[in-house]
Amino acid sequence: MLVSISSEYSVSQVIGYMKGKSAIHIARTYLEQRKNYGGMSFWARGYFVSTVGTDEEVVRAYIRDQEKED
């Protein structure tokens, strides 16, 4: 996933938001849970982040072509 983040947000805020919203969506859509239950966890605690500079187009092409590889 290639994401561009505005300087007004921290990386941890964006990752936390994405992990939280996606976990809720998955639980409601695929696990048929209508309520959020405390203490449940879906994603691992950590995450990996790297910056992309001049190779951004190469990274975009790599991500885009992953489906073709599979």
PDB file of N, CA and C in Angstrom:
ATOM      1  N   MET A   1       0.855  -1.156   0.000  1.00  0.00           N
ATOM      2  CA  MET A   1       0.000   0.000   0.000  1.00  0.00           C
ATOM      3  C   MET A   1       0.909   1.229   0.000  1.00  0.00           C
ATOM      4  N   LEU A   2       0.616   2.137  -0.859  1.00  0.00           N
ATOM      5  CA  LEU A   2       1.370   3.387  -0.944  1.00  0.00           C
ATOM      6  C   LEU A   2       0.430   4.509  -0.527  1.00  0.00           C
ATOM      7  N   VAL A   3       0.794   5.218   0.525  1.00  0.00           N
ATOM      8  CA  VAL A   3      -0.070   6.258   1.083  1.00  0.00           C
ATOM      9  C   VAL A   3       0.729   7.538   1.232  1.00  0.00           C
ATOM     10  N   SER A   4       0.123   8.640   0.855  1.00  0.00           N
ATOM     11  CA  SER A   4       0.712   9.952   1.072  1.00  0.00           C
ATOM     12  C   SER A   4      -0.021  10.596   2.247  1.00  0.00           C
ATOM     13  N   ILE A   5       0.731  11.050   3.241  1.00  0.00           N
ATOM     14  CA  ILE A   5       0.136  11.589   4.460  1.00  0.00           C
ATOM     15  C   ILE A   5       0.461  13.069   4.570  1.00  0.00           C
ATOM     16  N   SER A   6      -0.556  13.874   4.837  1.00  0.00           N
ATOM     17  CA  SER A   6      -0.376  15.298   5.064  1.00  0.00           C
ATOM     18  C   SER A   6       0.451  15.502   6.339  1.00  0.00           C
ATOM     19  N   SER A   7       1.205  16.570   6.385  1.00  0.00           N
ATOM     20  CA  SER A   7       2.059  16.840   7.547  1.00  0.00           C
ATOM     21  C   SER A   7       1.262  17.162   8.810  1.00  0.00           C
ATOM     22  N   GLU A   8      -0.037  17.406   8.676  1.00  0.00           N
ATOM     23  CA  GLU A   8      -0.832  17.694   9.875  1.00  0.00           C
ATOM     24  C   GLU A   8      -1.188  16.424  10.655  1.00  0.00           C
ATOM     25  N   TYR A   9      -0.948  15.239  10.079  1.00  0.00           N
ATOM     26  CA  TYR A   9      -1.217  13.972  10.744  1.00  0.00           C
ATOM     27  C   TYR A   9       0.078  13.209  10.952  1.00  0.00           C
ATOM     28  N   SER A  10       0.146  12.493  12.061  1.00  0.00           N
ATOM     29  CA  SER A  10       1.310  11.636  12.284  1.00  0.00           C
ATOM     30  C   SER A  10       1.064  10.281  11.618  1.00  0.00           C
ATOM     31  N   VAL A  11       2.146   9.570  11.366  1.00  0.00           N
ATOM     32  CA  VAL A  11       2.037   8.246  10.763  1.00  0.00           C
ATOM     33  C   VAL A  11       1.202   7.335  11.671  1.00  0.00           C
ATOM     34  N   SER A  12       1.449   7.393  12.976  1.00  0.00           N
ATOM     35  CA  SER A  12       0.713   6.527  13.898  1.00  0.00           C
ATOM     36  C   SER A  12      -0.779   6.834  13.902  1.00  0.00           C
ATOM     37  N   GLN A  13      -1.172   8.093  13.741  1.00  0.00           N
ATOM     38  CA  GLN A  13      -2.591   8.443  13.658  1.00  0.00           C
ATOM     39  C   GLN A  13      -3.233   7.809  12.428  1.00  0.00           C
ATOM     40  N   VAL A  14      -2.584   7.914  11.305  1.00  0.00           N
ATOM     41  CA  VAL A  14      -3.129   7.393  10.052  1.00  0.00           C
ATOM     42  C   VAL A  14      -3.204   5.865  10.088  1.00  0.00           C
ATOM     43  N   ILE A  15      -2.139   5.219  10.536  1.00  0.00           N
ATOM     44  CA  ILE A  15      -2.124   3.761  10.610  1.00  0.00           C
ATOM     45  C   ILE A  15      -3.184   3.283  11.603  1.00  0.00           C
ATOM     46  N   GLY A  16      -3.281   3.930  12.749  1.00  0.00           N
ATOM     47  CA  GLY A  16      -4.296   3.563  13.745  1.00  0.00           C
ATOM     48  C   GLY A  16      -5.704   3.694  13.196  1.00  0.00           C
ATOM     49  N   TYR A  17      -5.960   4.761  12.472  1.00  0.00           N
ATOM     50  CA  TYR A  17      -7.276   4.970  11.862  1.00  0.00           C
ATOM     51  C   TYR A  17      -7.575   3.877  10.837  1.00  0.00           C
ATOM     52  N   MET A  18      -6.609   3.599   9.962  1.00  0.00           N
ATOM     53  CA  MET A  18      -6.811   2.587   8.919  1.00  0.00           C
ATOM     54  C   MET A  18      -7.017   1.195   9.510  1.00  0.00           C
ATOM     55  N   LYS A  19      -6.221   0.849  10.509  1.00  0.00           N
ATOM     56  CA  LYS A  19      -6.359  -0.466  11.128  1.00  0.00           C
ATOM     57  C   LYS A  19      -7.681  -0.571  11.881  1.00  0.00           C
ATOM     58  N   GLY A  20      -8.068   0.486  12.559  1.00  0.00           N
ATOM     59  CA  GLY A  20      -9.323   0.472  13.314  1.00  0.00           C
ATOM     60  C   GLY A  20     -10.537   0.351  12.415  1.00  0.00           C
ATOM     61  N   LYS A  21     -10.613   1.195  11.407  1.00  0.00           N
ATOM     62  CA  LYS A  21     -11.774   1.176  10.505  1.00  0.00           C
ATOM     63  C   LYS A  21     -11.850  -0.116   9.706  1.00  0.00           C
ATOM     64  N   SER A  22     -10.701  -0.625   9.261  1.00  0.00           N
ATOM     65  CA  SER A  22     -10.733  -1.861   8.489  1.00  0.00           C
ATOM     66  C   SER A  22     -11.108  -3.056   9.365  1.00  0.00           C
ATOM     67  N   ALA A  23     -10.671  -3.077  10.616  1.00  0.00           N
ATOM     68  CA  ALA A  23     -11.042  -4.166  11.528  1.00  0.00           C
ATOM     69  C   ALA A  23     -12.547  -4.167  11.789  1.00  0.00           C
ATOM     70  N   ILE A  24     -13.127  -2.989  11.974  1.00  0.00           N
ATOM     71  CA  ILE A  24     -14.576  -2.884  12.171  1.00  0.00           C
ATOM     72  C   ILE A  24     -15.310  -3.366  10.928  1.00  0.00           C
ATOM     73  N   HIS A  25     -14.860  -2.948   9.764  1.00  0.00           N
ATOM     74  CA  HIS A  25     -15.503  -3.365   8.514  1.00  0.00           C
ATOM     75  C   HIS A  25     -15.431  -4.878   8.333  1.00  0.00           C
ATOM     76  N   ILE A  26     -14.269  -5.453   8.567  1.00  0.00           N
ATOM     77  CA  ILE A  26     -14.107  -6.904   8.412  1.00  0.00           C
ATOM     78  C   ILE A  26     -14.985  -7.652   9.404  1.00  0.00           C
ATOM     79  N   ALA A  27     -15.012  -7.196  10.644  1.00  0.00           N
ATOM     80  CA  ALA A  27     -15.835  -7.860  11.663  1.00  0.00           C
ATOM     81  C   ALA A  27     -17.309  -7.807  11.297  1.00  0.00           C
ATOM     82  N   ARG A  28     -17.774  -6.674  10.836  1.00  0.00           N
ATOM     83  CA  ARG A  28     -19.195  -6.530  10.495  1.00  0.00           C
ATOM     84  C   ARG A  28     -19.550  -7.266   9.207  1.00  0.00           C
ATOM     85  N   THR A  29     -18.675  -7.225   8.219  1.00  0.00           N
ATOM     86  CA  THR A  29     -18.966  -7.806   6.918  1.00  0.00           C
ATOM     87  C   THR A  29     -18.776  -9.318   6.887  1.00  0.00           C
ATOM     88  N   TYR A  30     -17.672  -9.786   7.437  1.00  0.00           N
ATOM     89  CA  TYR A  30     -17.325 -11.199   7.290  1.00  0.00           C
ATOM     90  C   TYR A  30     -17.542 -12.034   8.545  1.00  0.00           C
ATOM     91  N   LEU A  31     -17.533 -11.405   9.707  1.00  0.00           N
ATOM     92  CA  LEU A  31     -17.721 -12.154  10.953  1.00  0.00           C
ATOM     93  C   LEU A  31     -19.123 -11.956  11.526  1.00  0.00           C
ATOM     94  N   GLU A  32     -19.926 -11.172  10.816  1.00  0.00           N
ATOM     95  CA  GLU A  32     -21.324 -10.926  11.168  1.00  0.00           C
ATOM     96  C   GLU A  32     -21.507 -10.390  12.580  1.00  0.00           C
ATOM     97  N   GLN A  33     -20.613  -9.518  13.009  1.00  0.00           N
ATOM     98  CA  GLN A  33     -20.756  -8.873  14.305  1.00  0.00           C
ATOM     99  C   GLN A  33     -21.314  -7.480  14.084  1.00  0.00           C
ATOM    100  N   ARG A  34     -22.362  -7.152  14.778  1.00  0.00           N
ATOM    101  CA  ARG A  34     -22.980  -5.836  14.631  1.00  0.00           C
ATOM    102  C   ARG A  34     -22.479  -4.852  15.683  1.00  0.00           C
ATOM    103  N   LYS A  35     -21.939  -5.352  16.773  1.00  0.00           N
ATOM    104  CA  LYS A  35     -21.436  -4.488  17.837  1.00  0.00           C
ATOM    105  C   LYS A  35     -19.925  -4.643  17.946  1.00  0.00           C
ATOM    106  N   ASN A  36     -19.289  -3.609  18.449  1.00  0.00           N
ATOM    107  CA  ASN A  36     -17.862  -3.684  18.725  1.00  0.00           C
ATOM    108  C   ASN A  36     -17.679  -4.143  20.159  1.00  0.00           C
ATOM    109  N   TYR A  37     -16.887  -5.148  20.341  1.00  0.00           N
ATOM    110  CA  TYR A  37     -16.651  -5.682  21.669  1.00  0.00           C
ATOM    111  C   TYR A  37     -15.250  -5.302  22.127  1.00  0.00           C
ATOM    112  N   GLY A  38     -15.152  -4.776  23.333  1.00  0.00           N
ATOM    113  CA  GLY A  38     -13.859  -4.388  23.883  1.00  0.00           C
ATOM    114  C   GLY A  38     -12.967  -5.599  24.081  1.00  0.00           C
ATOM    115  N   GLY A  39     -11.681  -5.403  23.937  1.00  0.00           N
ATOM    116  CA  GLY A  39     -10.724  -6.468  24.156  1.00  0.00           C
ATOM    117  C   GLY A  39     -10.432  -7.322  22.937  1.00  0.00           C
ATOM    118  N   MET A  40     -11.188  -7.139  21.871  1.00  0.00           N
ATOM    119  CA  MET A  40     -10.933  -7.912  20.655  1.00  0.00           C
ATOM    120  C   MET A  40      -9.837  -7.227  19.847  1.00  0.00           C
ATOM    121  N   SER A  41      -8.997  -8.020  19.213  1.00  0.00           N
ATOM    122  CA  SER A  41      -7.970  -7.441  18.348  1.00  0.00           C
ATOM    123  C   SER A  41      -7.927  -8.227  17.047  1.00  0.00           C
ATOM    124  N   PHE A  42      -7.764  -7.518  15.966  1.00  0.00           N
ATOM    125  CA  PHE A  42      -7.717  -8.134  14.648  1.00  0.00           C
ATOM    126  C   PHE A  42      -6.319  -8.030  14.054  1.00  0.00           C
ATOM    127  N   TRP A  43      -5.754  -6.838  14.071  1.00  0.00           N
ATOM    128  CA  TRP A  43      -4.440  -6.596  13.497  1.00  0.00           C
ATOM    129  C   TRP A  43      -3.358  -6.766  14.545  1.00  0.00           C
ATOM    130  N   ALA A  44      -2.139  -7.029  14.080  1.00  0.00           N
ATOM    131  CA  ALA A  44      -0.984  -7.073  14.979  1.00  0.00           C
ATOM    132  C   ALA A  44      -0.738  -5.682  15.546  1.00  0.00           C
ATOM    133  N   ARG A  45      -0.041  -5.628  16.654  1.00  0.00           N
ATOM    134  CA  ARG A  45       0.164  -4.374  17.355  1.00  0.00           C
ATOM    135  C   ARG A  45       1.026  -3.372  16.572  1.00  0.00           C
ATOM    136  N   GLY A  46       2.030  -3.830  15.879  1.00  0.00           N
ATOM    137  CA  GLY A  46       2.961  -2.929  15.203  1.00  0.00           C
ATOM    138  C   GLY A  46       2.654  -2.714  13.737  1.00  0.00           C
ATOM    139  N   TYR A  47       3.551  -1.992  13.072  1.00  0.00           N
ATOM    140  CA  TYR A  47       3.451  -1.745  11.637  1.00  0.00           C
ATOM    141  C   TYR A  47       4.818  -1.333  11.124  1.00  0.00           C
ATOM    142  N   PHE A  48       5.005  -1.414   9.825  1.00  0.00           N
ATOM    143  CA  PHE A  48       6.254  -1.015   9.190  1.00  0.00           C
ATOM    144  C   PHE A  48       5.982   0.177   8.286  1.00  0.00           C
ATOM    145  N   VAL A  49       6.859   1.148   8.320  1.00  0.00           N
ATOM    146  CA  VAL A  49       6.723   2.341   7.485  1.00  0.00           C
ATOM    147  C   VAL A  49       8.069   2.630   6.841  1.00  0.00           C
ATOM    148  N   SER A  50       8.021   2.996   5.582  1.00  0.00           N
ATOM    149  CA  SER A  50       9.230   3.397   4.873  1.00  0.00           C
ATOM    150  C   SER A  50       8.873   4.582   3.982  1.00  0.00           C
ATOM    151  N   THR A  51       9.842   5.409   3.719  1.00  0.00           N
ATOM    152  CA  THR A  51       9.600   6.552   2.836  1.00  0.00           C
ATOM    153  C   THR A  51       9.995   6.209   1.411  1.00  0.00           C
ATOM    154  N   VAL A  52       9.352   6.877   0.470  1.00  0.00           N
ATOM    155  CA  VAL A  52       9.644   6.699  -0.948  1.00  0.00           C
ATOM    156  C   VAL A  52      10.024   8.058  -1.500  1.00  0.00           C
ATOM    157  N   GLY A  53      11.143   8.103  -2.153  1.00  0.00           N
ATOM    158  CA  GLY A  53      11.601   9.362  -2.733  1.00  0.00           C
ATOM    159  C   GLY A  53      11.478   9.338  -4.240  1.00  0.00           C
ATOM    160  N   THR A  54      12.611   9.289  -4.899  1.00  0.00           N
ATOM    161  CA  THR A  54      12.635   9.365  -6.362  1.00  0.00           C
ATOM    162  C   THR A  54      12.117   8.097  -7.027  1.00  0.00           C
ATOM    163  N   ASP A  55      11.994   7.006  -6.283  1.00  0.00           N
ATOM    164  CA  ASP A  55      11.536   5.741  -6.850  1.00  0.00           C
ATOM    165  C   ASP A  55      10.026   5.538  -6.729  1.00  0.00           C
ATOM    166  N   GLU A  56       9.282   6.582  -6.511  1.00  0.00           N
ATOM    167  CA  GLU A  56       7.843   6.442  -6.289  1.00  0.00           C
ATOM    168  C   GLU A  56       7.146   5.760  -7.457  1.00  0.00           C
ATOM    169  N   GLU A  57       7.482   6.096  -8.668  1.00  0.00           N
ATOM    170  CA  GLU A  57       6.836   5.471  -9.830  1.00  0.00           C
ATOM    171  C   GLU A  57       7.162   3.982  -9.922  1.00  0.00           C
ATOM    172  N   VAL A  58       8.363   3.602  -9.538  1.00  0.00           N
ATOM    173  CA  VAL A  58       8.748   2.187  -9.528  1.00  0.00           C
ATOM    174  C   VAL A  58       7.915   1.439  -8.494  1.00  0.00           C
ATOM    175  N   VAL A  59       7.738   2.030  -7.329  1.00  0.00           N
ATOM    176  CA  VAL A  59       6.933   1.408  -6.275  1.00  0.00           C
ATOM    177  C   VAL A  59       5.479   1.309  -6.712  1.00  0.00           C
ATOM    178  N   ARG A  60       4.945   2.357  -7.315  1.00  0.00           N
ATOM    179  CA  ARG A  60       3.566   2.322  -7.814  1.00  0.00           C
ATOM    180  C   ARG A  60       3.372   1.197  -8.833  1.00  0.00           C
ATOM    181  N   ALA A  61       4.312   1.070  -9.757  1.00  0.00           N
ATOM    182  CA  ALA A  61       4.222   0.022 -10.780  1.00  0.00           C
ATOM    183  C   ALA A  61       4.304  -1.362 -10.139  1.00  0.00           C
ATOM    184  N   TYR A  62       5.166  -1.526  -9.156  1.00  0.00           N
ATOM    185  CA  TYR A  62       5.300  -2.797  -8.456  1.00  0.00           C
ATOM    186  C   TYR A  62       3.984  -3.189  -7.783  1.00  0.00           C
ATOM    187  N   ILE A  63       3.372  -2.244  -7.082  1.00  0.00           N
ATOM    188  CA  ILE A  63       2.097  -2.510  -6.409  1.00  0.00           C
ATOM    189  C   ILE A  63       1.009  -2.814  -7.432  1.00  0.00           C
ATOM    190  N   ARG A  64       0.943  -2.023  -8.479  1.00  0.00           N
ATOM    191  CA  ARG A  64      -0.078  -2.192  -9.507  1.00  0.00           C
ATOM    192  C   ARG A  64       0.039  -3.557 -10.194  1.00  0.00           C
ATOM    193  N   ASP A  65       1.255  -4.027 -10.404  1.00  0.00           N
ATOM    194  CA  ASP A  65       1.473  -5.277 -11.135  1.00  0.00           C
ATOM    195  C   ASP A  65       1.435  -6.525 -10.250  1.00  0.00           C
ATOM    196  N   GLN A  66       1.213  -6.380  -8.959  1.00  0.00           N
ATOM    197  CA  GLN A  66       1.174  -7.541  -8.081  1.00  0.00           C
ATOM    198  C   GLN A  66       0.075  -8.522  -8.453  1.00  0.00           C
ATOM    199  N   GLU A  67      -1.070  -8.025  -8.861  1.00  0.00           N
ATOM    200  CA  GLU A  67      -2.182  -8.911  -9.236  1.00  0.00           C
ATOM    201  C   GLU A  67      -1.810  -9.759 -10.460  1.00  0.00           C
ATOM    202  N   LYS A  68      -1.070  -9.192 -11.378  1.00  0.00           N
ATOM    203  CA  LYS A  68      -0.639  -9.927 -12.571  1.00  0.00           C
ATOM    204  C   LYS A  68       0.301 -11.068 -12.183  1.00  0.00           C
ATOM    205  N   GLU A  69       1.146 -10.835 -11.168  1.00  0.00           N
ATOM    206  CA  GLU A  69       2.099 -11.849 -10.712  1.00  0.00           C
ATOM    207  C   GLU A  69       1.385 -13.044 -10.099  1.00  0.00           C
ATOM    208  N   ASP A  70       0.292 -12.774  -9.387  1.00  0.00           N
ATOM    209  CA  ASP A  70      -0.443 -13.842  -8.713  1.00  0.00           C
ATOM    210  C   ASP A  70      -1.233 -14.634  -9.728  1.00  0.00           C
TER     211      ASP A  70
END
